[in-house]
Amino acid sequence: MVDLRQLESHLWEAANILRGPVDAADFNPACGTGGMLIEAIHHVK
C-alpha cells in the first residue's frame, strides 16, 4: 500500500520528468503541470 506522502513524491517526480527543465522566471504554480498536480493532490486528501 502506498501512503499519501509516497504518492505525492512519485507524482512530483513524474511531473518533473514530463515537464523537463523549467526556468524559474517562467514557473507559475497556478497553471500547467504543477497546478494540475497540486489540485489532484488536494482532491486525494
N, C-alpha and C. Protein backbone atom coordinates (compact mmCIF):
# COMPACT_ATOMS: atom_id res chain seq x y z
N MET A 1 0.85 -1.18 0.00
CA MET A 1 0.00 0.00 0.00
C MET A 1 0.89 1.24 0.00
N VAL A 2 0.51 2.23 -0.74
CA VAL A 2 1.26 3.48 -0.84
C VAL A 2 0.55 4.53 0.00
N ASP A 3 1.32 5.19 0.89
CA ASP A 3 0.69 6.25 1.68
C ASP A 3 0.72 7.57 0.91
N LEU A 4 0.05 8.57 1.44
CA LEU A 4 -0.10 9.84 0.74
C LEU A 4 1.23 10.51 0.44
N ARG A 5 2.16 10.47 1.37
CA ARG A 5 3.47 11.10 1.15
C ARG A 5 4.22 10.43 0.00
N GLN A 6 4.16 9.10 -0.06
CA GLN A 6 4.82 8.37 -1.14
C GLN A 6 4.16 8.70 -2.48
N LEU A 7 2.83 8.77 -2.49
CA LEU A 7 2.11 9.12 -3.71
C LEU A 7 2.50 10.51 -4.19
N GLU A 8 2.51 11.48 -3.28
CA GLU A 8 2.90 12.85 -3.64
C GLU A 8 4.30 12.87 -4.21
N SER A 9 5.21 12.15 -3.58
CA SER A 9 6.60 12.11 -4.03
C SER A 9 6.70 11.54 -5.45
N HIS A 10 6.01 10.44 -5.70
CA HIS A 10 6.05 9.82 -7.02
C HIS A 10 5.41 10.72 -8.07
N LEU A 11 4.30 11.37 -7.72
CA LEU A 11 3.64 12.26 -8.68
C LEU A 11 4.51 13.47 -9.01
N TRP A 12 5.16 14.05 -8.00
CA TRP A 12 6.06 15.18 -8.25
C TRP A 12 7.21 14.76 -9.14
N GLU A 13 7.78 13.59 -8.86
CA GLU A 13 8.89 13.10 -9.67
C GLU A 13 8.45 12.88 -11.12
N ALA A 14 7.28 12.29 -11.31
CA ALA A 14 6.75 12.07 -12.66
C ALA A 14 6.50 13.40 -13.37
N ALA A 15 5.91 14.35 -12.67
CA ALA A 15 5.65 15.67 -13.27
C ALA A 15 6.94 16.35 -13.67
N ASN A 16 7.97 16.24 -12.83
CA ASN A 16 9.26 16.84 -13.16
C ASN A 16 9.86 16.22 -14.41
N ILE A 17 9.72 14.92 -14.56
CA ILE A 17 10.24 14.24 -15.75
C ILE A 17 9.46 14.69 -16.98
N LEU A 18 8.13 14.74 -16.88
CA LEU A 18 7.31 15.14 -18.02
C LEU A 18 7.52 16.60 -18.40
N ARG A 19 7.66 17.45 -17.40
CA ARG A 19 7.80 18.89 -17.64
C ARG A 19 9.17 19.23 -18.21
N GLY A 20 10.20 18.56 -17.73
CA GLY A 20 11.55 18.87 -18.16
C GLY A 20 12.06 20.11 -17.45
N PRO A 21 13.20 20.61 -17.90
CA PRO A 21 13.78 21.79 -17.25
C PRO A 21 12.86 23.00 -17.35
N VAL A 22 12.78 23.76 -16.25
CA VAL A 22 11.94 24.96 -16.21
C VAL A 22 12.77 26.13 -15.70
N ASP A 23 12.72 27.22 -16.43
CA ASP A 23 13.38 28.44 -15.99
C ASP A 23 12.57 29.03 -14.84
N ALA A 24 13.20 29.37 -13.73
CA ALA A 24 12.49 29.88 -12.56
C ALA A 24 11.64 31.10 -12.90
N ALA A 25 12.05 31.91 -13.84
CA ALA A 25 11.29 33.10 -14.23
C ALA A 25 9.98 32.72 -14.93
N ASP A 26 9.93 31.52 -15.51
CA ASP A 26 8.74 31.08 -16.23
C ASP A 26 7.79 30.26 -15.36
N PHE A 27 8.21 29.89 -14.16
CA PHE A 27 7.41 29.00 -13.32
C PHE A 27 6.22 29.72 -12.74
N ASN A 28 5.03 29.13 -12.92
CA ASN A 28 3.80 29.65 -12.35
C ASN A 28 3.01 28.46 -11.82
N PRO A 29 2.96 28.26 -10.50
CA PRO A 29 2.30 27.07 -9.95
C PRO A 29 0.79 27.05 -10.17
N ALA A 30 0.21 28.17 -10.60
CA ALA A 30 -1.24 28.23 -10.79
C ALA A 30 -1.67 27.63 -12.13
N CYS A 31 -0.71 27.30 -12.99
CA CYS A 31 -1.06 26.73 -14.29
C CYS A 31 -0.10 25.63 -14.67
N GLY A 32 -0.42 24.92 -15.71
CA GLY A 32 0.44 23.87 -16.20
C GLY A 32 0.45 22.64 -15.32
N THR A 33 1.44 21.80 -15.50
CA THR A 33 1.53 20.53 -14.79
C THR A 33 1.55 20.71 -13.29
N GLY A 34 2.29 21.69 -12.79
CA GLY A 34 2.37 21.91 -11.34
C GLY A 34 1.03 22.21 -10.73
N GLY A 35 0.27 23.10 -11.36
CA GLY A 35 -1.04 23.45 -10.85
C GLY A 35 -2.01 22.29 -10.87
N MET A 36 -2.00 21.52 -11.96
CA MET A 36 -2.87 20.36 -12.05
C MET A 36 -2.50 19.31 -11.02
N LEU A 37 -1.21 19.13 -10.81
CA LEU A 37 -0.76 18.15 -9.84
C LEU A 37 -1.17 18.55 -8.43
N ILE A 38 -1.02 19.81 -8.10
CA ILE A 38 -1.42 20.29 -6.77
C ILE A 38 -2.91 20.08 -6.57
N GLU A 39 -3.71 20.40 -7.58
CA GLU A 39 -5.15 20.20 -7.48
C GLU A 39 -5.49 18.72 -7.29
N ALA A 40 -4.80 17.84 -8.01
CA ALA A 40 -5.06 16.40 -7.88
C ALA A 40 -4.74 15.93 -6.48
N ILE A 41 -3.66 16.40 -5.91
CA ILE A 41 -3.26 16.00 -4.55
C ILE A 41 -4.29 16.49 -3.54
N HIS A 42 -4.79 17.69 -3.71
CA HIS A 42 -5.78 18.23 -2.78
C HIS A 42 -7.08 17.42 -2.82
N HIS A 43 -7.42 16.87 -3.98
CA HIS A 43 -8.63 16.06 -4.08
C HIS A 43 -8.45 14.72 -3.37
N VAL A 44 -7.22 14.22 -3.27
CA VAL A 44 -6.95 12.94 -2.61
C VAL A 44 -7.12 13.07 -1.11
N LYS A 45 -6.76 14.23 -0.56
CA LYS A 45 -6.79 14.42 0.89
C LYS A 45 -8.17 14.38 1.44
